[in-house]
C-alpha atoms as a PDB file:
ATOM      1  CA  MET A   1      -0.174  -0.101   0.047  1.00  0.00           C
ATOM      2  CA  PRO A   2       1.450   3.336  -0.941  1.00  0.00           C
ATOM      3  CA  VAL A   3       2.313   6.089   1.627  1.00  0.00           C
ATOM      4  CA  GLN A   4      -1.056   7.985   2.715  1.00  0.00           C
ATOM      5  CA  THR A   5      -1.882  11.166   3.805  1.00  0.00           C
ATOM      6  CA  ILE A   6      -5.330  11.606   6.149  1.00  0.00           C
ATOM      7  CA  GLY A   7      -7.382  14.964   6.282  1.00  0.00           C
ATOM      8  CA  SER A   8     -10.136  14.086   9.097  1.00  0.00           C
ATOM      9  CA  ALA A   9     -10.927  11.667  11.406  1.00  0.00           C
ATOM     10  CA  ASP A  10     -13.120  10.233   8.969  1.00  0.00           C
ATOM     11  CA  GLU A  11     -10.814   9.294   6.478  1.00  0.00           C
ATOM     12  CA  LEU A  12      -8.303   7.772   9.100  1.00  0.00           C
ATOM     13  CA  ALA A  13     -11.450   5.787  10.586  1.00  0.00           C
ATOM     14  CA  ASP A  14     -11.310   4.719   6.346  1.00  0.00           C
ATOM     15  CA  LEU A  15      -8.283   3.757   6.246  1.00  0.00           C
ATOM     16  CA  THR A  16      -8.075   1.865   9.345  1.00  0.00           C
ATOM     17  CA  ALA A  17     -10.692  -0.455   7.945  1.00  0.00           C
ATOM     18  CA  LEU A  18      -8.787  -1.108   4.640  1.00  0.00           C
ATOM     19  CA  MET A  19      -5.057  -1.934   6.495  1.00  0.00           C
ATOM     20  CA  GLU A  20      -7.098  -4.341   8.549  1.00  0.00           C
ATOM     21  CA  LEU A  21      -6.387  -3.153  11.582  1.00  0.00           C
ATOM     22  CA  PRO A  22      -9.189  -2.798  14.826  1.00  0.00           C
ATOM     23  CA  SER A  23     -11.664  -0.291  14.689  1.00  0.00           C
ATOM     24  CA  ALA A  24     -11.733   2.751  17.116  1.00  0.00           C
ATOM     25  CA  LEU A  25     -13.389   5.846  17.765  1.00  0.00           C
ATOM     26  CA  VAL A  26     -11.212   8.631  16.096  1.00  0.00           C
ATOM     27  CA  SER A  27     -11.458  12.216  17.401  1.00  0.00           C
ATOM     28  CA  ALA A  28      -9.360  15.167  15.761  1.00  0.00           C
ATOM     29  CA  ASP A  29      -9.951  18.953  15.278  1.00  0.00           C
ATOM     30  CA  ALA A  30     -10.183  20.573  11.887  1.00  0.00           C
ATOM     31  CA  THR A  31      -6.723  20.725  11.392  1.00  0.00           C
ATOM     32  CA  PHE A  32      -5.922  16.885  11.570  1.00  0.00           C
ATOM     33  CA  ARG A  33      -3.302  15.526   9.675  1.00  0.00           C
ATOM     34  CA  SER A  34      -1.637  12.086   9.447  1.00  0.00           C
ATOM     35  CA  THR A  35       0.264  10.155   7.010  1.00  0.00           C
ATOM     36  CA  VAL A  36       0.611   6.758   7.052  1.00  0.00           C
ATOM     37  CA  ASP A  37       3.220   4.085   5.715  1.00  0.00           C
ATOM     38  CA  HIS A  38       1.470   0.611   6.015  1.00  0.00           C
ATOM     39  CA  ARG A  39       2.676  -2.890   4.903  1.00  0.00           C
ATOM     40  CA  SER A  40       0.988  -5.859   5.070  1.00  0.00           C
ATOM     41  CA  LEU A  41       2.600  -9.271   5.904  1.00  0.00           C
ATOM     42  CA  GLY A  42      -0.304 -11.548   5.941  1.00  0.00           C
ATOM     43  CA  ASP A  43      -2.432 -13.113   9.225  1.00  0.00           C
ATOM     44  CA  GLY A  44      -2.967 -10.096  11.064  1.00  0.00           C
ATOM     45  CA  VAL A  45       0.531  -8.966  10.985  1.00  0.00           C
ATOM     46  CA  THR A  46       1.120  -5.441   9.949  1.00  0.00           C
ATOM     47  CA  VAL A  47       4.090  -2.721  10.434  1.00  0.00           C
ATOM     48  CA  ALA A  48       3.730   0.877   9.946  1.00  0.00           C
ATOM     49  CA  THR A  49       5.216   4.316  10.261  1.00  0.00           C
ATOM     50  CA  ALA A  50       3.389   7.422  10.937  1.00  0.00           C
ATOM     51  CA  GLU A  51       2.987  11.151  11.569  1.00  0.00           C
ATOM     52  CA  THR A  52       0.281  11.939  13.321  1.00  0.00           C
ATOM     53  CA  ALA A  53      -1.324  15.259  14.944  1.00  0.00           C
ATOM     54  CA  THR A  54      -3.049  15.456  18.188  1.00  0.00           C
ATOM     55  CA  MET A  55      -5.834  12.785  18.275  1.00  0.00           C
ATOM     56  CA  ARG A  56      -7.546  10.382  20.281  1.00  0.00           C
ATOM     57  CA  LEU A  57      -8.693   6.870  19.627  1.00  0.00           C
ATOM     58  CA  ARG A  58     -10.966   5.218  21.735  1.00  0.00           C
ATOM     59  CA  ARG A  59     -11.913   1.419  21.442  1.00  0.00           C
ATOM     60  CA  GLY A  60     -15.240  -0.004  23.597  1.00  0.00           C
ATOM     61  CA  ALA A  61     -17.224  -2.458  23.617  1.00  0.00           C
ATOM     62  CA  ARG A  62     -19.094  -1.680  20.527  1.00  0.00           C
ATOM     63  CA  GLN A  63     -15.784  -1.704  18.165  1.00  0.00           C
ATOM     64  CA  ILE A  64     -14.888  -5.146  19.862  1.00  0.00           C
ATOM     65  CA  ALA A  65     -17.808  -6.735  19.086  1.00  0.00           C
ATOM     66  CA  ALA A  66     -17.903  -5.283  15.293  1.00  0.00           C
ATOM     67  CA  SER A  67     -14.055  -6.349  15.034  1.00  0.00           C
ATOM     68  CA  ALA A  68     -13.305  -9.444  12.879  1.00  0.00           C
ATOM     69  CA  ARG A  69     -10.577 -10.418  14.930  1.00  0.00           C
ATOM     70  CA  ASP A  70      -9.570  -9.627  18.754  1.00  0.00           C
ATOM     71  CA  ASP A  71      -6.502 -11.531  18.748  1.00  0.00           C
ATOM     72  CA  LEU A  72      -4.411  -8.817  17.958  1.00  0.00           C
ATOM     73  CA  LEU A  73      -1.570  -7.521  19.571  1.00  0.00           C
ATOM     74  CA  MET A  74      -0.348  -3.436  18.645  1.00  0.00           C
ATOM     75  CA  LEU A  75       2.997  -2.376  19.835  1.00  0.00           C
ATOM     76  CA  CYS A  76       3.919   1.341  19.416  1.00  0.00           C
ATOM     77  CA  ILE A  77       6.767   2.906  19.373  1.00  0.00           C
ATOM     78  CA  HIS A  78       6.722   6.909  20.364  1.00  0.00           C
ATOM     79  CA  LEU A  79       9.560   8.459  17.942  1.00  0.00           C
ATOM     80  CA  ASP A  80       9.308  11.658  18.587  1.00  0.00           C
ATOM     81  CA  GLY A  81       6.165  13.111  20.264  1.00  0.00           C
ATOM     82  CA  SER A  82       4.073  12.028  23.287  1.00  0.00           C
ATOM     83  CA  ALA A  83       0.877  10.028  23.702  1.00  0.00           C
ATOM     84  CA  ARG A  84      -1.204   8.421  26.585  1.00  0.00           C
ATOM     85  CA  VAL A  85      -2.354   4.944  26.629  1.00  0.00           C
ATOM     86  CA  ARG A  86      -5.273   3.609  28.917  1.00  0.00           C
ATOM     87  CA  GLN A  87      -5.905  -0.226  29.460  1.00  0.00           C
ATOM     88  CA  HIS A  88      -6.764  -2.911  31.980  1.00  0.00           C
ATOM     89  CA  ASP A  89      -7.269   0.476  34.591  1.00  0.00           C
ATOM     90  CA  ARG A  90      -3.429   1.322  33.821  1.00  0.00           C
ATOM     91  CA  LEU A  91      -2.208   4.417  32.206  1.00  0.00           C
ATOM     92  CA  ALA A  92       0.893   4.728  30.211  1.00  0.00           C
ATOM     93  CA  GLU A  93       2.577   7.905  29.550  1.00  0.00           C
ATOM     94  CA  LEU A  94       4.735   8.102  26.809  1.00  0.00           C
ATOM     95  CA  GLY A  95       7.394  10.375  25.185  1.00  0.00           C
ATOM     96  CA  PRO A  96      10.430  10.225  22.633  1.00  0.00           C
ATOM     97  CA  GLY A  97      11.604   6.411  21.981  1.00  0.00           C
ATOM     98  CA  ASP A  98       9.466   4.847  24.316  1.00  0.00           C
ATOM     99  CA  ALA A  99       7.056   2.186  23.581  1.00  0.00           C
ATOM    100  CA  VAL A 100       3.816   0.684  25.110  1.00  0.00           C
ATOM    101  CA  LEU A 101       1.626  -2.776  24.191  1.00  0.00           C
ATOM    102  CA  PHE A 102      -1.724  -3.111  24.148  1.00  0.00           C
ATOM    103  CA  GLU A 103      -4.401  -5.553  23.255  1.00  0.00           C
ATOM    104  CA  SER A 104      -7.357  -5.700  20.899  1.00  0.00           C
ATOM    105  CA  ARG A 105      -9.627  -7.998  22.753  1.00  0.00           C
ATOM    106  CA  ARG A 106      -9.676  -5.166  25.394  1.00  0.00           C
ATOM    107  CA  PRO A 107     -11.164  -1.445  25.373  1.00  0.00           C
ATOM    108  CA  SER A 108      -8.462   1.411  24.979  1.00  0.00           C
ATOM    109  CA  ASP A 109      -7.975   4.817  25.030  1.00  0.00           C
ATOM    110  CA  VAL A 110      -4.843   6.151  22.789  1.00  0.00           C
ATOM    111  CA  GLU A 111      -4.066   9.998  22.833  1.00  0.00           C
ATOM    112  CA  TYR A 112      -1.503  12.018  20.827  1.00  0.00           C
ATOM    113  CA  LEU A 113      -0.867  14.642  23.103  1.00  0.00           C
ATOM    114  CA  ARG A 114       1.293  16.642  20.205  1.00  0.00           C
ATOM    115  CA  LEU A 115       2.334  15.866  16.628  1.00  0.00           C
ATOM    116  CA  SER A 116       4.148  12.511  17.134  1.00  0.00           C
ATOM    117  CA  ARG A 117       6.150   9.934  15.058  1.00  0.00           C
ATOM    118  CA  THR A 118       5.364   6.305  15.323  1.00  0.00           C
ATOM    119  CA  LEU A 119       6.372   2.849  14.142  1.00  0.00           C
ATOM    120  CA  SER A 120       4.408   0.053  15.087  1.00  0.00           C
ATOM    121  CA  LEU A 121       3.934  -3.412  15.002  1.00  0.00           C
ATOM    122  CA  GLN A 122       0.426  -5.521  15.221  1.00  0.00           C
ATOM    123  CA  PHE A 123       0.915  -9.274  15.020  1.00  0.00           C
ATOM    124  CA  PRO A 124      -1.683 -12.103  17.088  1.00  0.00           C
ATOM    125  CA  ARG A 125      -1.040 -12.835  19.866  1.00  0.00           C
ATOM    126  CA  SER A 126      -0.104 -16.423  19.806  1.00  0.00           C
ATOM    127  CA  LEU A 127       3.385 -15.325  18.511  1.00  0.00           C
ATOM    128  CA  LEU A 128       4.493 -14.082  21.676  1.00  0.00           C
ATOM    129  CA  GLU A 129       2.537 -16.228  24.741  1.00  0.00           C
ATOM    130  CA  PRO A 130       3.783 -17.672  26.505  1.00  0.00           C
ATOM    131  CA  SER A 131       7.398 -16.080  26.282  1.00  0.00           C
ATOM    132  CA  ALA A 132       5.828 -13.075  28.116  1.00  0.00           C
ATOM    133  CA  GLY A 133       3.645 -14.553  30.450  1.00  0.00           C
ATOM    134  CA  ARG A 134       0.389 -13.048  31.048  1.00  0.00           C
ATOM    135  CA  LEU A 135       0.259 -10.395  28.294  1.00  0.00           C
ATOM    136  CA  ASP A 136      -3.060  -8.534  29.999  1.00  0.00           C
ATOM    137  CA  ASP A 137      -0.235  -7.558  32.736  1.00  0.00           C
ATOM    138  CA  ARG A 138       1.802  -6.235  29.783  1.00  0.00           C
ATOM    139  CA  CYS A 139      -0.042  -3.981  28.601  1.00  0.00           C
ATOM    140  CA  ALA A 140      -0.425  -0.500  29.055  1.00  0.00           C
ATOM    141  CA  ARG A 141       2.870  -0.211  30.919  1.00  0.00           C
ATOM    142  CA  THR A 142       5.559   2.373  29.373  1.00  0.00           C
ATOM    143  CA  LEU A 143       8.528   0.326  28.024  1.00  0.00           C
ATOM    144  CA  PRO A 144      10.929   2.922  28.262  1.00  0.00           C
ATOM    145  CA  ALA A 145      13.590   4.555  25.751  1.00  0.00           C
ATOM    146  CA  THR A 146      16.556   3.326  28.028  1.00  0.00           C
ATOM    147  CA  ALA A 147      15.319  -0.606  27.584  1.00  0.00           C
ATOM    148  CA  PRO A 148      18.383  -2.172  25.464  1.00  0.00           C
ATOM    149  CA  ALA A 149      16.137  -4.548  24.011  1.00  0.00           C
ATOM    150  CA  LEU A 150      13.533  -1.733  22.879  1.00  0.00           C
ATOM    151  CA  ALA A 151      16.763  -0.180  21.532  1.00  0.00           C
ATOM    152  CA  LEU A 152      17.392  -3.172  19.277  1.00  0.00           C
ATOM    153  CA  LEU A 153      13.650  -4.121  18.753  1.00  0.00           C
ATOM    154  CA  THR A 154      13.671   0.027  17.236  1.00  0.00           C
ATOM    155  CA  GLY A 155      16.263  -0.545  14.616  1.00  0.00           C
ATOM    156  CA  TYR A 156      15.293  -4.071  13.742  1.00  0.00           C
ATOM    157  CA  LEU A 157      11.497  -2.908  12.718  1.00  0.00           C
ATOM    158  CA  ARG A 158      12.755   0.230  10.885  1.00  0.00           C
ATOM    159  CA  GLN A 159      14.684  -2.667   8.764  1.00  0.00           C
ATOM    160  CA  LEU A 160      11.411  -5.017   8.745  1.00  0.00           C
ATOM    161  CA  HIS A 161       9.361  -1.709   7.747  1.00  0.00           C
ATOM    162  CA  ALA A 162      11.924  -1.445   4.518  1.00  0.00           C
ATOM    163  CA  VAL A 163      11.949  -4.917   3.529  1.00  0.00           C
ATOM    164  CA  ALA A 164       8.388  -6.485   4.605  1.00  0.00           C
ATOM    165  CA  LEU A 165       9.527  -9.909   4.812  1.00  0.00           C
ATOM    166  CA  PRO A 166       7.561 -11.966   6.701  1.00  0.00           C
ATOM    167  CA  ALA A 167      10.096 -14.850   8.073  1.00  0.00           C
ATOM    168  CA  ALA A 168      11.240 -11.987   9.633  1.00  0.00           C
ATOM    169  CA  VAL A 169       8.299 -11.096  12.224  1.00  0.00           C
ATOM    170  CA  GLN A 170       9.134 -13.998  14.668  1.00  0.00           C
ATOM    171  CA  PRO A 171      12.825 -12.523  15.722  1.00  0.00           C
ATOM    172  CA  ALA A 172      11.205  -8.982  16.144  1.00  0.00           C
ATOM    173  CA  VAL A 173       8.588 -10.773  18.557  1.00  0.00           C
ATOM    174  CA  ASP A 174      11.158 -12.358  20.203  1.00  0.00           C
ATOM    175  CA  LEU A 175      13.238  -9.325  20.831  1.00  0.00           C
ATOM    176  CA  LEU A 176       9.910  -7.530  22.414  1.00  0.00           C
ATOM    177  CA  ALA A 177       9.717 -10.479  24.773  1.00  0.00           C
ATOM    178  CA  LEU A 178      12.754  -9.565  25.946  1.00  0.00           C
ATOM    179  CA  ALA A 179      11.810  -6.234  26.446  1.00  0.00           C
ATOM    180  CA  LEU A 180       9.530  -7.272  28.259  1.00  0.00           C
ATOM    181  CA  GLY A 181      11.278  -9.240  30.596  1.00  0.00           C
ATOM    182  CA  GLY A 182      10.318 -12.822  29.563  1.00  0.00           C
ATOM    183  CA  GLU A 183      12.714 -15.256  27.622  1.00  0.00           C
ATOM    184  CA  PRO A 184      11.581 -15.829  24.066  1.00  0.00           C
ATOM    185  CA  ASP A 185      10.906 -19.655  23.591  1.00  0.00           C
ATOM    186  CA  ARG A 186       9.294 -20.562  20.268  1.00  0.00           C
ATOM    187  CA  ALA A 187       8.986 -24.471  20.921  1.00  0.00           C
ATOM    188  CA  ALA A 188       6.996 -23.525  23.855  1.00  0.00           C
ATOM    189  CA  THR A 189       4.883 -20.816  21.771  1.00  0.00           C
ATOM    190  CA  LEU A 190       4.572 -23.641  18.654  1.00  0.00           C
ATOM    191  CA  ARG A 191       3.532 -26.546  21.627  1.00  0.00           C
ATOM    192  CA  ALA A 192       0.921 -24.149  23.006  1.00  0.00           C
ATOM    193  CA  ASP A 193      -0.492 -23.254  19.435  1.00  0.00           C
ATOM    194  CA  LEU A 194      -0.809 -26.823  18.864  1.00  0.00           C
ATOM    195  CA  ARG A 195      -2.577 -27.629  22.494  1.00  0.00           C
ATOM    196  CA  LYS A 196      -5.191 -24.936  21.951  1.00  0.00           C
ATOM    197  CA  ASN A 197      -5.948 -26.104  18.381  1.00  0.00           C
ATOM    198  CA  LEU A 198      -5.478 -29.181  18.093  1.00  0.00           C
ATOM    199  CA  ALA A 199      -9.704 -29.669  17.191  1.00  0.00           C
ATOM    200  CA  ASP A 200      -9.177 -27.786  13.861  1.00  0.00           C
ATOM    201  CA  PRO A 201      -8.946 -30.792  11.317  1.00  0.00           C
ATOM    202  CA  THR A 202      -7.296 -27.860   8.804  1.00  0.00           C
ATOM    203  CA  LEU A 203      -3.755 -27.868  11.793  1.00  0.00           C
ATOM    204  CA  THR A 204      -0.775 -29.148   9.976  1.00  0.00           C
ATOM    205  CA  VAL A 205       2.853 -28.891  10.131  1.00  0.00           C
ATOM    206  CA  ALA A 206       2.680 -26.389   6.845  1.00  0.00           C
ATOM    207  CA  THR A 207      -0.195 -24.067   8.598  1.00  0.00           C
ATOM    208  CA  LEU A 208       1.568 -23.857  11.598  1.00  0.00           C
ATOM    209  CA  ALA A 209       4.790 -22.854  10.102  1.00  0.00           C
ATOM    210  CA  ARG A 210       2.459 -20.010   8.174  1.00  0.00           C
ATOM    211  CA  ARG A 211       0.928 -18.675  11.335  1.00  0.00           C
ATOM    212  CA  HIS A 212       4.192 -18.484  12.539  1.00  0.00           C
ATOM    213  CA  HIS A 213       6.353 -17.399  10.036  1.00  0.00           C
ATOM    214  CA  LEU A 214       8.860 -19.872   9.949  1.00  0.00           C
ATOM    215  CA  SER A 215      10.052 -21.893   7.186  1.00  0.00           C
ATOM    216  CA  PRO A 216       8.821 -25.580   7.456  1.00  0.00           C
ATOM    217  CA  ARG A 217      12.863 -26.595   8.067  1.00  0.00           C
ATOM    218  CA  ARG A 218      13.146 -24.252  10.895  1.00  0.00           C
ATOM    219  CA  LEU A 219       9.959 -25.367  12.720  1.00  0.00           C
ATOM    220  CA  HIS A 220      11.250 -28.971  12.501  1.00  0.00           C
ATOM    221  CA  GLU A 221      14.786 -27.972  13.749  1.00  0.00           C
ATOM    222  CA  LEU A 222      12.440 -25.602  16.707  1.00  0.00           C
ATOM    223  CA  PHE A 223      10.887 -29.124  17.494  1.00  0.00           C
ATOM    224  CA  ALA A 224      13.883 -31.771  17.431  1.00  0.00           C
ATOM    225  CA  ASP A 225      15.684 -30.053  20.451  1.00  0.00           C
ATOM    226  CA  GLY A 226      12.809 -31.586  21.793  1.00  0.00           C
ATOM    227  CA  GLY A 227      13.527 -34.912  20.346  1.00  0.00           C
ATOM    228  CA  GLY A 228      10.238 -35.214  17.960  1.00  0.00           C
ATOM    229  CA  THR A 229       8.820 -33.489  15.046  1.00  0.00           C
ATOM    230  CA  PRO A 230       5.791 -30.980  15.127  1.00  0.00           C
ATOM    231  CA  ALA A 231       3.657 -33.900  12.914  1.00  0.00           C
ATOM    232  CA  ALA A 232       4.287 -36.458  15.895  1.00  0.00           C
ATOM    233  CA  TYR A 233       3.488 -34.075  18.799  1.00  0.00           C
ATOM    234  CA  LEU A 234       0.329 -32.958  17.024  1.00  0.00           C
ATOM    235  CA  ARG A 235      -0.519 -36.580  16.345  1.00  0.00           C
ATOM    236  CA  ALA A 236       0.172 -37.920  20.495  1.00  0.00           C
ATOM    237  CA  LEU A 237      -1.984 -34.577  21.451  1.00  0.00           C
ATOM    238  CA  ARG A 238      -4.785 -35.306  19.422  1.00  0.00           C
ATOM    239  CA  LEU A 239      -4.388 -39.502  20.469  1.00  0.00           C
ATOM    240  CA  ARG A 240      -4.519 -38.659  24.332  1.00  0.00           C
ATOM    241  CA  ALA A 241      -7.249 -36.313  23.963  1.00  0.00           C
ATOM    242  CA  ALA A 242      -9.051 -38.974  22.396  1.00  0.00           C
ATOM    243  CA  GLN A 243      -8.157 -41.241  25.264  1.00  0.00           C
ATOM    244  CA  ARG A 244      -9.406 -38.826  27.526  1.00  0.00           C
ATOM    245  CA  ALA A 245     -12.471 -38.686  25.813  1.00  0.00           C
ATOM    246  CA  LEU A 246     -13.238 -42.685  25.553  1.00  0.00           C
ATOM    247  CA  ALA A 247     -13.027 -43.058  29.243  1.00  0.00           C
ATOM    248  CA  ASP A 248     -15.339 -39.899  30.420  1.00  0.00           C
ATOM    249  CA  PRO A 249     -18.490 -41.381  31.399  1.00  0.00           C
ATOM    250  CA  GLY A 250     -20.092 -38.293  30.423  1.00  0.00           C
ATOM    251  CA  ARG A 251     -19.223 -38.964  26.609  1.00  0.00           C
ATOM    252  CA  ARG A 252     -20.672 -42.335  26.841  1.00  0.00           C
ATOM    253  CA  GLY A 253     -23.203 -41.236  24.053  1.00  0.00           C
ATOM    254  CA  ASP A 254     -20.553 -40.026  21.386  1.00  0.00           C
ATOM    255  CA  THR A 255     -19.649 -42.437  18.647  1.00  0.00           C
ATOM    256  CA  VAL A 256     -16.203 -42.991  17.989  1.00  0.00           C
ATOM    257  CA  ALA A 257     -16.284 -41.336  14.653  1.00  0.00           C
ATOM    258  CA  ARG A 258     -17.805 -38.147  16.727  1.00  0.00           C
ATOM    259  CA  ILE A 259     -14.641 -38.296  18.863  1.00  0.00           C
ATOM    260  CA  ALA A 260     -12.306 -38.681  16.421  1.00  0.00           C
ATOM    261  CA  ALA A 261     -13.525 -35.750  14.430  1.00  0.00           C
ATOM    262  CA  SER A 262     -13.650 -33.501  18.073  1.00  0.00           C
ATOM    263  CA  VAL A 263      -9.616 -33.779  18.430  1.00  0.00           C
ATOM    264  CA  GLY A 264      -8.895 -33.519  14.751  1.00  0.00           C
ATOM    265  CA  PHE A 265      -9.016 -36.337  13.262  1.00  0.00           C
ATOM    266  CA  ARG A 266     -10.913 -36.089   9.512  1.00  0.00           C
ATOM    267  CA  GLU A 267     -11.209 -40.083   8.700  1.00  0.00           C
ATOM    268  CA  VAL A 268     -12.484 -42.313  11.543  1.00  0.00           C
ATOM    269  CA  ARG A 269     -10.121 -45.372  10.124  1.00  0.00           C
ATOM    270  CA  SER A 270      -7.483 -43.144  10.282  1.00  0.00           C
ATOM    271  CA  PHE A 271      -7.618 -42.663  13.823  1.00  0.00           C
ATOM    272  CA  GLU A 272      -8.664 -46.508  14.752  1.00  0.00           C
ATOM    273  CA  ARG A 273      -5.187 -47.632  13.490  1.00  0.00           C
ATOM    274  CA  ALA A 274      -3.764 -44.476  15.113  1.00  0.00           C
ATOM    275  CA  PHE A 275      -5.116 -45.442  18.114  1.00  0.00           C
ATOM    276  CA  THR A 276      -4.328 -49.071  18.058  1.00  0.00           C
ATOM    277  CA  ARG A 277      -0.614 -48.417  17.126  1.00  0.00           C
ATOM    278  CA  GLU A 278      -0.491 -46.232  20.052  1.00  0.00           C
ATOM    279  CA  PHE A 279      -2.072 -47.806  23.041  1.00  0.00           C
ATOM    280  CA  GLY A 280      -2.168 -51.521  21.563  1.00  0.00           C
ATOM    281  CA  MET A 281      -6.265 -51.852  21.526  1.00  0.00           C
ATOM    282  CA  SER A 282      -8.679 -50.200  19.246  1.00  0.00           C
ATOM    283  CA  PRO A 283     -10.628 -47.210  20.704  1.00  0.00           C
ATOM    284  CA  GLY A 284     -13.741 -49.536  21.161  1.00  0.00           C
ATOM    285  CA  ALA A 285     -11.823 -51.700  22.907  1.00  0.00           C
ATOM    286  CA  TYR A 286     -10.418 -49.237  25.315  1.00  0.00           C
ATOM    287  CA  ARG A 287     -13.918 -47.589  25.715  1.00  0.00           C
ATOM    288  CA  ARG A 288     -15.362 -50.992  26.875  1.00  0.00           C
ATOM    289  CA  MET A 289     -12.489 -51.456  29.142  1.00  0.00           C
ATOM    290  CA  HIS A 290     -12.342 -47.753  30.933  1.00  0.00           C
ATOM    291  CA  GLY A 291     -15.355 -46.424  30.229  1.00  0.00           C
END
């Protein structure tokens, strides 16, 4: 998308929708001007630079309900100017070089107090969890310009904005985890994603790699450190979830096919073969023994 010059709050709201950013109520006076250079890297990831006059962005319950997705995090680095960000009953005050993280699933209030230049990164929260701990505790807290990891991240995001390379997103998120006081652990993040979405039959190694902006080779390397492969880890998760379901008295009315589908297997025969190899008996036999 080319550099956009915006001359009103309404134009900014329209551009926000076009850039697939979370919607917000925009307040600005008649002299408002903003220039935005926005790059989309796919799957909710955007990196942008902007020069923005005084304005206010408020995101409440109505805007959250109207948004296509609520799993996005926004990191905003204030290269120049000052701002305030409110979320989770906290207030972050920002000066030149400071940064703040806030999330799309909770109400927020962002005020630009004077002409500001910003560098921002929007991305799905799954790229950062669990490296940074409880993310709601990390939001609306000022990351000071003096933090060494933030200085590295600022320089890296400038380059990411220039090259717009999707595979380079995860290192930026790893630097953010360091700036927030956490330790980047990509393998833990990947395993958490698999555990959360194991019931999705479309979840494969290829889709996991794309979602986390990794090459399939790098994805396999991360799992190899734990002595396995991502496909084997996902299969084991699904089979253990099925094992628990088969032994659950509350699911006695579910057929084997329904249980197979509920843990992400597309075909019941494939599920039965995999289950028998893993546990030495068929799903039906396991249910009769343990149900």
